[in-house]
C-alpha cells in the first residue's frame, strides 16, 4: 500500500447549517496546521452558498490561535514541520496571488526564523491553470461553481484521489457524489480528515496504488495459503489397476 498525498476537495452545496459547515471546513483544512494527507485543500462552493459560507469560514479562521503546543491560551494548531516548509508555503501563496488568486485571508508569518504560519484562504476561481499539487500546510484554495455538476467536475479536476467530502444536500445528492467522485475516502457532512483505521484507507491516481491500508493492512503484510485436510489418511486408486 502506498500513500502519496492528495489535493482533496470539500464540496459545499445547499445547507441551512452554515456555521456547522464552516467548522467542518476549518477542521478539514487547518487541523494539524494542514499537515495531514487527507486535509482539505480545495473548497468548492456553489454560487448560491458562496457569500454566506466564505464569510463564516473567514470569521472562524480569523479566530484560530496558532502557536507553541503548550502555550496559553491553547492553540488550535502549531507550526509546520520546519522553516523550509514555511518558506515554500509562503511562496506558494504569493504565486497563487500573483497569478489570478484573490486573497480572502492572507498568510502571516510573525517570525521568519520560526515555522509558524497563519491559516490562509485564497479564491483561485479566476486562475487559468491552478497547480495540481499537494500544498502541505494551512493553505485553502476556494473555487466558485454554478451548480452541482460543475462542483463534481471540479472536484475530480486533479491527478490525485485520496479523500473528498460533501457538505449539505440530500441523501440522493450524496449517492450521486459517492458514485462520481474519484477518491478512496468519501464523506458526507464530515471532515476530509480523521479517517478510521477500522475502514480501508487509501486512494487512487497519484494518491495511491489501489491497495488500501488500515483495515486492509493485513492483506499486504501476509500471503494467502490454501489448505485441504482430513483427520486420517484415506485414499483409493479406484479404476485403472491390474488385478
C-alpha atoms as a PDB file:
ATOM      1  CA  UNK A   1       0.000   0.000   0.000  1.00  0.00           C
ATOM      2  CA  UNK A   2       1.320   3.418  -0.979  1.00  0.00           C
ATOM      3  CA  UNK A   3       0.041   6.694   0.464  1.00  0.00           C
ATOM      4  CA  UNK A   4       1.267   9.639  -1.599  1.00  0.00           C
ATOM      5  CA  UNK A   5      -0.853  12.607  -0.563  1.00  0.00           C
ATOM      6  CA  UNK A   6      -3.787  14.406  -2.084  1.00  0.00           C
ATOM      7  CA  UNK A   7      -5.347  17.591  -3.386  1.00  0.00           C
ATOM      8  CA  UNK A   8      -8.563  16.884  -1.566  1.00  0.00           C
ATOM      9  CA  UNK A   9     -11.875  18.652  -2.346  1.00  0.00           C
ATOM     10  CA  UNK A  10     -14.579  19.827   0.029  1.00  0.00           C
ATOM     11  CA  UNK A  11     -17.812  20.470  -1.870  1.00  0.00           C
ATOM     12  CA  UNK A  12     -20.483  22.657  -0.259  1.00  0.00           C
ATOM     13  CA  UNK A  13     -23.997  22.688  -1.687  1.00  0.00           C
ATOM     14  CA  UNK A  14     -27.330  23.704  -0.153  1.00  0.00           C
ATOM     15  CA  UNK A  15     -27.348  23.605   3.646  1.00  0.00           C
ATOM     16  CA  UNK A  16     -29.093  25.779   6.232  1.00  0.00           C
ATOM     17  CA  UNK A  17     -26.377  24.985   8.789  1.00  0.00           C
ATOM     18  CA  UNK A  18     -23.694  27.344   7.521  1.00  0.00           C
ATOM     19  CA  UNK A  19     -21.899  27.689  10.857  1.00  0.00           C
ATOM     20  CA  UNK A  20     -21.549  23.909  11.170  1.00  0.00           C
ATOM     21  CA  UNK A  21     -20.365  23.709   7.569  1.00  0.00           C
ATOM     22  CA  UNK A  22     -17.692  26.302   8.377  1.00  0.00           C
ATOM     23  CA  UNK A  23     -16.463  24.242  11.332  1.00  0.00           C
ATOM     24  CA  UNK A  24     -16.152  21.149   9.123  1.00  0.00           C
ATOM     25  CA  UNK A  25     -14.205  23.179   6.559  1.00  0.00           C
ATOM     26  CA  UNK A  26     -11.858  24.590   9.207  1.00  0.00           C
ATOM     27  CA  UNK A  27     -11.295  21.136  10.691  1.00  0.00           C
ATOM     28  CA  UNK A  28     -10.582  19.695   7.247  1.00  0.00           C
ATOM     29  CA  UNK A  29      -8.176  22.403   6.124  1.00  0.00           C
ATOM     30  CA  UNK A  30      -6.353  23.510   9.263  1.00  0.00           C
ATOM     31  CA  UNK A  31      -6.220  20.656  11.792  1.00  0.00           C
ATOM     32  CA  UNK A  32      -2.542  19.843  12.440  1.00  0.00           C
ATOM     33  CA  UNK A  33      -1.693  23.025  10.510  1.00  0.00           C
ATOM     34  CA  UNK A  34      -2.966  21.332   7.353  1.00  0.00           C
ATOM     35  CA  UNK A  35      -0.264  18.664   7.634  1.00  0.00           C
ATOM     36  CA  UNK A  36      -2.438  15.629   7.071  1.00  0.00           C
ATOM     37  CA  UNK A  37      -2.571  13.716   3.825  1.00  0.00           C
ATOM     38  CA  UNK A  38      -6.372  13.867   3.968  1.00  0.00           C
ATOM     39  CA  UNK A  39      -6.548  17.600   4.748  1.00  0.00           C
ATOM     40  CA  UNK A  40      -8.980  19.617   2.653  1.00  0.00           C
ATOM     41  CA  UNK A  41      -7.010  21.595   0.060  1.00  0.00           C
ATOM     42  CA  UNK A  42      -9.783  22.851  -2.260  1.00  0.00           C
ATOM     43  CA  UNK A  43     -13.098  24.303  -1.114  1.00  0.00           C
ATOM     44  CA  UNK A  44     -15.655  24.132  -3.936  1.00  0.00           C
ATOM     45  CA  UNK A  45     -18.777  26.192  -3.240  1.00  0.00           C
ATOM     46  CA  UNK A  46     -21.987  26.774  -5.185  1.00  0.00           C
ATOM     47  CA  UNK A  47     -22.695  30.381  -6.174  1.00  0.00           C
ATOM     48  CA  UNK A  48     -25.837  30.326  -4.050  1.00  0.00           C
ATOM     49  CA  UNK A  49     -23.856  29.462  -0.904  1.00  0.00           C
ATOM     50  CA  UNK A  50     -20.618  31.323  -1.588  1.00  0.00           C
ATOM     51  CA  UNK A  51     -21.093  34.597   0.302  1.00  0.00           C
ATOM     52  CA  UNK A  52     -22.548  33.038   3.441  1.00  0.00           C
ATOM     53  CA  UNK A  53     -20.066  30.160   3.603  1.00  0.00           C
ATOM     54  CA  UNK A  54     -16.943  32.211   2.906  1.00  0.00           C
ATOM     55  CA  UNK A  55     -17.941  34.896   5.407  1.00  0.00           C
ATOM     56  CA  UNK A  56     -18.429  32.277   8.115  1.00  0.00           C
ATOM     57  CA  UNK A  57     -15.206  30.424   7.270  1.00  0.00           C
ATOM     58  CA  UNK A  58     -13.165  33.628   7.305  1.00  0.00           C
ATOM     59  CA  UNK A  59     -14.658  34.753  10.607  1.00  0.00           C
ATOM     60  CA  UNK A  60     -13.785  31.419  12.183  1.00  0.00           C
ATOM     61  CA  UNK A  61     -10.308  31.281  10.606  1.00  0.00           C
ATOM     62  CA  UNK A  62      -9.571  34.766  11.949  1.00  0.00           C
ATOM     63  CA  UNK A  63     -10.254  33.471  15.459  1.00  0.00           C
ATOM     64  CA  UNK A  64      -7.925  30.463  15.234  1.00  0.00           C
ATOM     65  CA  UNK A  65      -4.948  30.576  17.583  1.00  0.00           C
ATOM     66  CA  UNK A  66      -1.678  29.219  16.240  1.00  0.00           C
ATOM     67  CA  UNK A  67       1.473  28.875  18.300  1.00  0.00           C
ATOM     68  CA  UNK A  68       3.574  26.630  20.517  1.00  0.00           C
ATOM     69  CA  UNK A  69       1.840  23.444  21.693  1.00  0.00           C
ATOM     70  CA  UNK A  70       1.778  24.245  25.410  1.00  0.00           C
ATOM     71  CA  UNK A  71       1.150  27.969  25.117  1.00  0.00           C
ATOM     72  CA  UNK A  72      -1.725  29.664  26.919  1.00  0.00           C
ATOM     73  CA  UNK A  73      -4.330  30.035  25.645  1.00  0.00           C
ATOM     74  CA  UNK A  74      -4.057  26.653  23.955  1.00  0.00           C
ATOM     75  CA  UNK A  75      -3.561  26.928  20.193  1.00  0.00           C
ATOM     76  CA  UNK A  76      -5.754  25.283  17.593  1.00  0.00           C
ATOM     77  CA  UNK A  77      -2.652  24.452  15.542  1.00  0.00           C
ATOM     78  CA  UNK A  78       1.106  24.528  15.891  1.00  0.00           C
ATOM     79  CA  UNK A  79       3.903  25.137  13.384  1.00  0.00           C
ATOM     80  CA  UNK A  80       4.545  23.456  10.078  1.00  0.00           C
ATOM     81  CA  UNK A  81       7.347  20.914  10.139  1.00  0.00           C
ATOM     82  CA  UNK A  82      10.286  23.267   9.519  1.00  0.00           C
ATOM     83  CA  UNK A  83      11.356  26.614   8.097  1.00  0.00           C
ATOM     84  CA  UNK A  84      11.780  25.203   4.586  1.00  0.00           C
ATOM     85  CA  UNK A  85       8.138  24.139   4.595  1.00  0.00           C
ATOM     86  CA  UNK A  86       7.061  27.561   5.877  1.00  0.00           C
ATOM     87  CA  UNK A  87       9.134  29.221   3.129  1.00  0.00           C
ATOM     88  CA  UNK A  88       7.603  27.030   0.417  1.00  0.00           C
ATOM     89  CA  UNK A  89       4.047  27.619   1.623  1.00  0.00           C
ATOM     90  CA  UNK A  90       4.584  31.367   1.764  1.00  0.00           C
ATOM     91  CA  UNK A  91       5.990  31.299  -1.767  1.00  0.00           C
ATOM     92  CA  UNK A  92       3.044  29.165  -2.935  1.00  0.00           C
ATOM     93  CA  UNK A  93       0.555  31.658  -1.513  1.00  0.00           C
ATOM     94  CA  UNK A  94       2.329  34.535  -3.266  1.00  0.00           C
ATOM     95  CA  UNK A  95       2.405  32.534  -6.522  1.00  0.00           C
ATOM     96  CA  UNK A  96      -1.358  31.967  -6.378  1.00  0.00           C
ATOM     97  CA  UNK A  97      -1.891  35.622  -5.532  1.00  0.00           C
ATOM     98  CA  UNK A  98       0.211  36.848  -8.456  1.00  0.00           C
ATOM     99  CA  UNK A  99      -1.469  34.511 -10.944  1.00  0.00           C
ATOM    100  CA  UNK A 100      -5.087  35.481 -10.504  1.00  0.00           C
ATOM    101  CA  UNK A 101      -5.857  34.397  -6.961  1.00  0.00           C
ATOM    102  CA  UNK A 102      -7.801  36.713  -4.671  1.00  0.00           C
ATOM    103  CA  UNK A 103      -6.823  36.681  -1.003  1.00  0.00           C
ATOM    104  CA  UNK A 104      -9.640  36.008   1.440  1.00  0.00           C
ATOM    105  CA  UNK A 105      -7.271  35.623   4.387  1.00  0.00           C
ATOM    106  CA  UNK A 106      -3.592  36.445   3.927  1.00  0.00           C
ATOM    107  CA  UNK A 107      -0.875  34.123   5.170  1.00  0.00           C
ATOM    108  CA  UNK A 108       1.085  35.658   8.049  1.00  0.00           C
ATOM    109  CA  UNK A 109       4.443  34.596   9.479  1.00  0.00           C
ATOM    110  CA  UNK A 110       5.270  36.559  12.633  1.00  0.00           C
ATOM    111  CA  UNK A 111       8.915  35.415  12.763  1.00  0.00           C
ATOM    112  CA  UNK A 112      10.867  34.495   9.618  1.00  0.00           C
ATOM    113  CA  UNK A 113      13.170  32.344  11.749  1.00  0.00           C
ATOM    114  CA  UNK A 114      10.359  30.118  13.005  1.00  0.00           C
ATOM    115  CA  UNK A 115       7.925  27.845  11.098  1.00  0.00           C
ATOM    116  CA  UNK A 116       4.714  29.352  12.495  1.00  0.00           C
ATOM    117  CA  UNK A 117       2.323  30.497   9.777  1.00  0.00           C
ATOM    118  CA  UNK A 118      -1.304  31.511   9.988  1.00  0.00           C
ATOM    119  CA  UNK A 119      -4.183  29.809   8.190  1.00  0.00           C
ATOM    120  CA  UNK A 120      -4.560  31.271   4.705  1.00  0.00           C
ATOM    121  CA  UNK A 121      -7.523  31.250   2.316  1.00  0.00           C
ATOM    122  CA  UNK A 122      -7.398  32.305  -1.324  1.00  0.00           C
ATOM    123  CA  UNK A 123     -10.037  32.294  -4.067  1.00  0.00           C
ATOM    124  CA  UNK A 124      -8.467  30.743  -7.172  1.00  0.00           C
ATOM    125  CA  UNK A 125     -11.628  30.617  -9.306  1.00  0.00           C
ATOM    126  CA  UNK A 126     -10.190  33.071 -11.846  1.00  0.00           C
ATOM    127  CA  UNK A 127      -6.880  31.245 -12.271  1.00  0.00           C
ATOM    128  CA  UNK A 128      -6.496  29.647 -15.692  1.00  0.00           C
ATOM    129  CA  UNK A 129      -4.072  26.987 -14.512  1.00  0.00           C
ATOM    130  CA  UNK A 130      -4.389  26.069 -10.875  1.00  0.00           C
ATOM    131  CA  UNK A 131      -1.371  23.992  -9.824  1.00  0.00           C
ATOM    132  CA  UNK A 132      -2.460  20.425  -9.083  1.00  0.00           C
ATOM    133  CA  UNK A 133      -0.004  19.806  -6.257  1.00  0.00           C
ATOM    134  CA  UNK A 134      -0.271  18.993  -2.583  1.00  0.00           C
ATOM    135  CA  UNK A 135       0.415  22.206  -0.656  1.00  0.00           C
ATOM    136  CA  UNK A 136       1.111  20.543   2.680  1.00  0.00           C
ATOM    137  CA  UNK A 137       0.091  23.190   5.166  1.00  0.00           C
ATOM    138  CA  UNK A 138      -2.669  25.595   6.242  1.00  0.00           C
ATOM    139  CA  UNK A 139      -3.471  26.936   2.784  1.00  0.00           C
ATOM    140  CA  UNK A 140      -7.016  26.542   1.450  1.00  0.00           C
ATOM    141  CA  UNK A 141      -7.974  27.352  -2.143  1.00  0.00           C
ATOM    142  CA  UNK A 142     -11.586  28.336  -2.866  1.00  0.00           C
ATOM    143  CA  UNK A 143     -13.304  27.654  -6.192  1.00  0.00           C
ATOM    144  CA  UNK A 144     -16.748  29.015  -7.030  1.00  0.00           C
ATOM    145  CA  UNK A 145     -19.075  26.943  -9.258  1.00  0.00           C
ATOM    146  CA  UNK A 146     -22.564  27.417 -10.658  1.00  0.00           C
ATOM    147  CA  UNK A 147     -24.131  24.010  -9.939  1.00  0.00           C
ATOM    148  CA  UNK A 148     -23.610  20.500  -8.585  1.00  0.00           C
ATOM    149  CA  UNK A 149     -22.477  19.121 -11.955  1.00  0.00           C
ATOM    150  CA  UNK A 150     -19.694  21.680 -12.136  1.00  0.00           C
ATOM    151  CA  UNK A 151     -18.811  21.011  -8.498  1.00  0.00           C
ATOM    152  CA  UNK A 152     -18.307  17.303  -9.162  1.00  0.00           C
ATOM    153  CA  UNK A 153     -16.279  18.017 -12.303  1.00  0.00           C
ATOM    154  CA  UNK A 154     -14.087  20.470 -10.396  1.00  0.00           C
ATOM    155  CA  UNK A 155     -13.625  18.044  -7.506  1.00  0.00           C
ATOM    156  CA  UNK A 156     -12.358  15.459  -9.992  1.00  0.00           C
ATOM    157  CA  UNK A 157     -10.082  18.001 -11.695  1.00  0.00           C
ATOM    158  CA  UNK A 158      -6.980  16.535 -10.085  1.00  0.00           C
ATOM    159  CA  UNK A 159      -4.462  13.776 -10.647  1.00  0.00           C
ATOM    160  CA  UNK A 160      -4.874  12.769  -7.002  1.00  0.00           C
ATOM    161  CA  UNK A 161      -7.714  10.794  -5.423  1.00  0.00           C
ATOM    162  CA  UNK A 162      -7.364  10.390  -1.675  1.00  0.00           C
ATOM    163  CA  UNK A 163     -10.279  11.991   0.197  1.00  0.00           C
ATOM    164  CA  UNK A 164     -13.334  14.108  -0.585  1.00  0.00           C
ATOM    165  CA  UNK A 165     -16.236  15.490   1.430  1.00  0.00           C
ATOM    166  CA  UNK A 166     -19.701  16.703   0.532  1.00  0.00           C
ATOM    167  CA  UNK A 167     -21.291  19.190   2.923  1.00  0.00           C
ATOM    168  CA  UNK A 168     -25.036  19.712   2.596  1.00  0.00           C
ATOM    169  CA  UNK A 169     -27.501  18.259   0.147  1.00  0.00           C
ATOM    170  CA  UNK A 170     -29.790  15.246   0.373  1.00  0.00           C
ATOM    171  CA  UNK A 171     -29.102  11.503   0.547  1.00  0.00           C
ATOM    172  CA  UNK A 172     -29.717  11.436  -3.206  1.00  0.00           C
ATOM    173  CA  UNK A 173     -27.096  14.149  -3.703  1.00  0.00           C
ATOM    174  CA  UNK A 174     -24.614  12.194  -1.615  1.00  0.00           C
ATOM    175  CA  UNK A 175     -25.310   8.978  -3.524  1.00  0.00           C
ATOM    176  CA  UNK A 176     -24.551  10.837  -6.732  1.00  0.00           C
ATOM    177  CA  UNK A 177     -21.428  12.381  -5.225  1.00  0.00           C
ATOM    178  CA  UNK A 178     -20.229   8.996  -3.958  1.00  0.00           C
ATOM    179  CA  UNK A 179     -20.806   7.351  -7.331  1.00  0.00           C
ATOM    180  CA  UNK A 180     -18.953  10.006  -9.336  1.00  0.00           C
ATOM    181  CA  UNK A 181     -16.053  11.190  -7.177  1.00  0.00           C
ATOM    182  CA  UNK A 182     -12.644   9.644  -7.808  1.00  0.00           C
ATOM    183  CA  UNK A 183     -11.357   9.129  -4.274  1.00  0.00           C
ATOM    184  CA  UNK A 184     -10.669   6.322  -1.835  1.00  0.00           C
ATOM    185  CA  UNK A 185     -12.270   8.102   1.143  1.00  0.00           C
ATOM    186  CA  UNK A 186     -15.603   9.863   0.567  1.00  0.00           C
ATOM    187  CA  UNK A 187     -17.506  11.526   3.417  1.00  0.00           C
ATOM    188  CA  UNK A 188     -20.822  13.306   3.866  1.00  0.00           C
ATOM    189  CA  UNK A 189     -21.170  16.154   6.357  1.00  0.00           C
ATOM    190  CA  UNK A 190     -17.869  15.093   7.868  1.00  0.00           C
ATOM    191  CA  UNK A 191     -14.315  16.476   7.513  1.00  0.00           C
ATOM    192  CA  UNK A 192     -11.993  15.109   4.850  1.00  0.00           C
ATOM    193  CA  UNK A 193      -9.539  14.011   7.547  1.00  0.00           C
ATOM    194  CA  UNK A 194      -9.852  11.815  10.629  1.00  0.00           C
ATOM    195  CA  UNK A 195     -10.213   8.521   8.741  1.00  0.00           C
ATOM    196  CA  UNK A 196     -10.930   5.459  10.869  1.00  0.00           C
ATOM    197  CA  UNK A 197      -8.431   2.586  10.958  1.00  0.00           C
ATOM    198  CA  UNK A 198     -11.453   0.272  11.135  1.00  0.00           C
ATOM    199  CA  UNK A 199     -12.112   1.023   7.457  1.00  0.00           C
ATOM    200  CA  UNK A 200      -9.916   0.770   4.341  1.00  0.00           C
ATOM    201  CA  UNK A 201      -7.573   3.733   3.900  1.00  0.00           C
ATOM    202  CA  UNK A 202      -6.065   4.613   0.543  1.00  0.00           C
ATOM    203  CA  UNK A 203      -6.521   6.394  -2.726  1.00  0.00           C
ATOM    204  CA  UNK A 204      -6.086   6.255  -6.470  1.00  0.00           C
ATOM    205  CA  UNK A 205      -4.304   8.267  -9.119  1.00  0.00           C
ATOM    206  CA  UNK A 206      -1.242   9.961  -7.638  1.00  0.00           C
ATOM    207  CA  UNK A 207      -2.585   9.298  -4.139  1.00  0.00           C
ATOM    208  CA  UNK A 208      -2.004   5.564  -4.066  1.00  0.00           C
ATOM    209  CA  UNK A 209      -1.879   2.268  -5.875  1.00  0.00           C
ATOM    210  CA  UNK A 210      -5.367   0.835  -5.268  1.00  0.00           C
ATOM    211  CA  UNK A 211      -4.034  -1.137  -2.282  1.00  0.00           C
ATOM    212  CA  UNK A 212      -5.681   0.387   0.802  1.00  0.00           C
ATOM    213  CA  UNK A 213      -4.116   0.252   4.246  1.00  0.00           C
ATOM    214  CA  UNK A 214      -5.716   0.452   7.732  1.00  0.00           C
ATOM    215  CA  UNK A 215      -8.357  -2.325   7.938  1.00  0.00           C
ATOM    216  CA  UNK A 216      -6.843  -3.993   4.859  1.00  0.00           C
ATOM    217  CA  UNK A 217      -3.241  -3.769   6.098  1.00  0.00           C
ATOM    218  CA  UNK A 218      -3.176  -7.473   6.978  1.00  0.00           C
ATOM    219  CA  UNK A 219      -3.759  -8.314   3.321  1.00  0.00           C
ATOM    220  CA  UNK A 220      -0.447  -6.844   2.185  1.00  0.00           C
ATOM    221  CA  UNK A 221       1.548  -7.922   5.280  1.00  0.00           C
ATOM    222  CA  UNK A 222       0.849 -11.601   4.640  1.00  0.00           C
ATOM    223  CA  UNK A 223       0.298 -14.039   1.789  1.00  0.00           C
ATOM    224  CA  UNK A 224      -2.661 -16.355   1.125  1.00  0.00           C
ATOM    225  CA  UNK A 225      -2.348 -20.076   1.859  1.00  0.00           C
ATOM    226  CA  UNK A 226      -4.789 -22.729   0.625  1.00  0.00           C
ATOM    227  CA  UNK A 227      -5.184 -25.985   2.555  1.00  0.00           C
ATOM    228  CA  UNK A 228      -7.309 -29.184   2.416  1.00  0.00           C
ATOM    229  CA  UNK A 229      -7.328 -31.506   5.440  1.00  0.00           C
ATOM    230  CA  UNK A 230      -8.594 -34.873   6.808  1.00  0.00           C
ATOM    231  CA  UNK A 231      -8.075 -36.331  10.287  1.00  0.00           C
ATOM    232  CA  UNK A 232      -6.628 -39.594   8.869  1.00  0.00           C
ATOM    233  CA  UNK A 233      -5.126 -40.586   5.511  1.00  0.00           C
ATOM    234  CA  UNK A 234      -7.833 -42.215   3.409  1.00  0.00           C
ATOM    235  CA  UNK A 235      -7.278 -42.948  -0.279  1.00  0.00           C
ATOM    236  CA  UNK A 236      -8.079 -45.455  -3.017  1.00  0.00           C
ATOM    237  CA  UNK A 237      -6.906 -45.728  -6.598  1.00  0.00           C
ATOM    238  CA  UNK A 238     -10.344 -46.639  -7.892  1.00  0.00           C
ATOM    239  CA  UNK A 239     -10.264 -47.760 -11.547  1.00  0.00           C
ATOM    240  CA  UNK A 240      -7.265 -48.444 -13.744  1.00  0.00           C
ATOM    241  CA  UNK A 241      -5.359 -51.064 -11.697  1.00  0.00           C
ATOM    242  CA  UNK A 242      -4.324 -54.531 -12.954  1.00  0.00           C
ATOM    243  CA  UNK A 243      -5.589 -57.406 -10.871  1.00  0.00           C
END
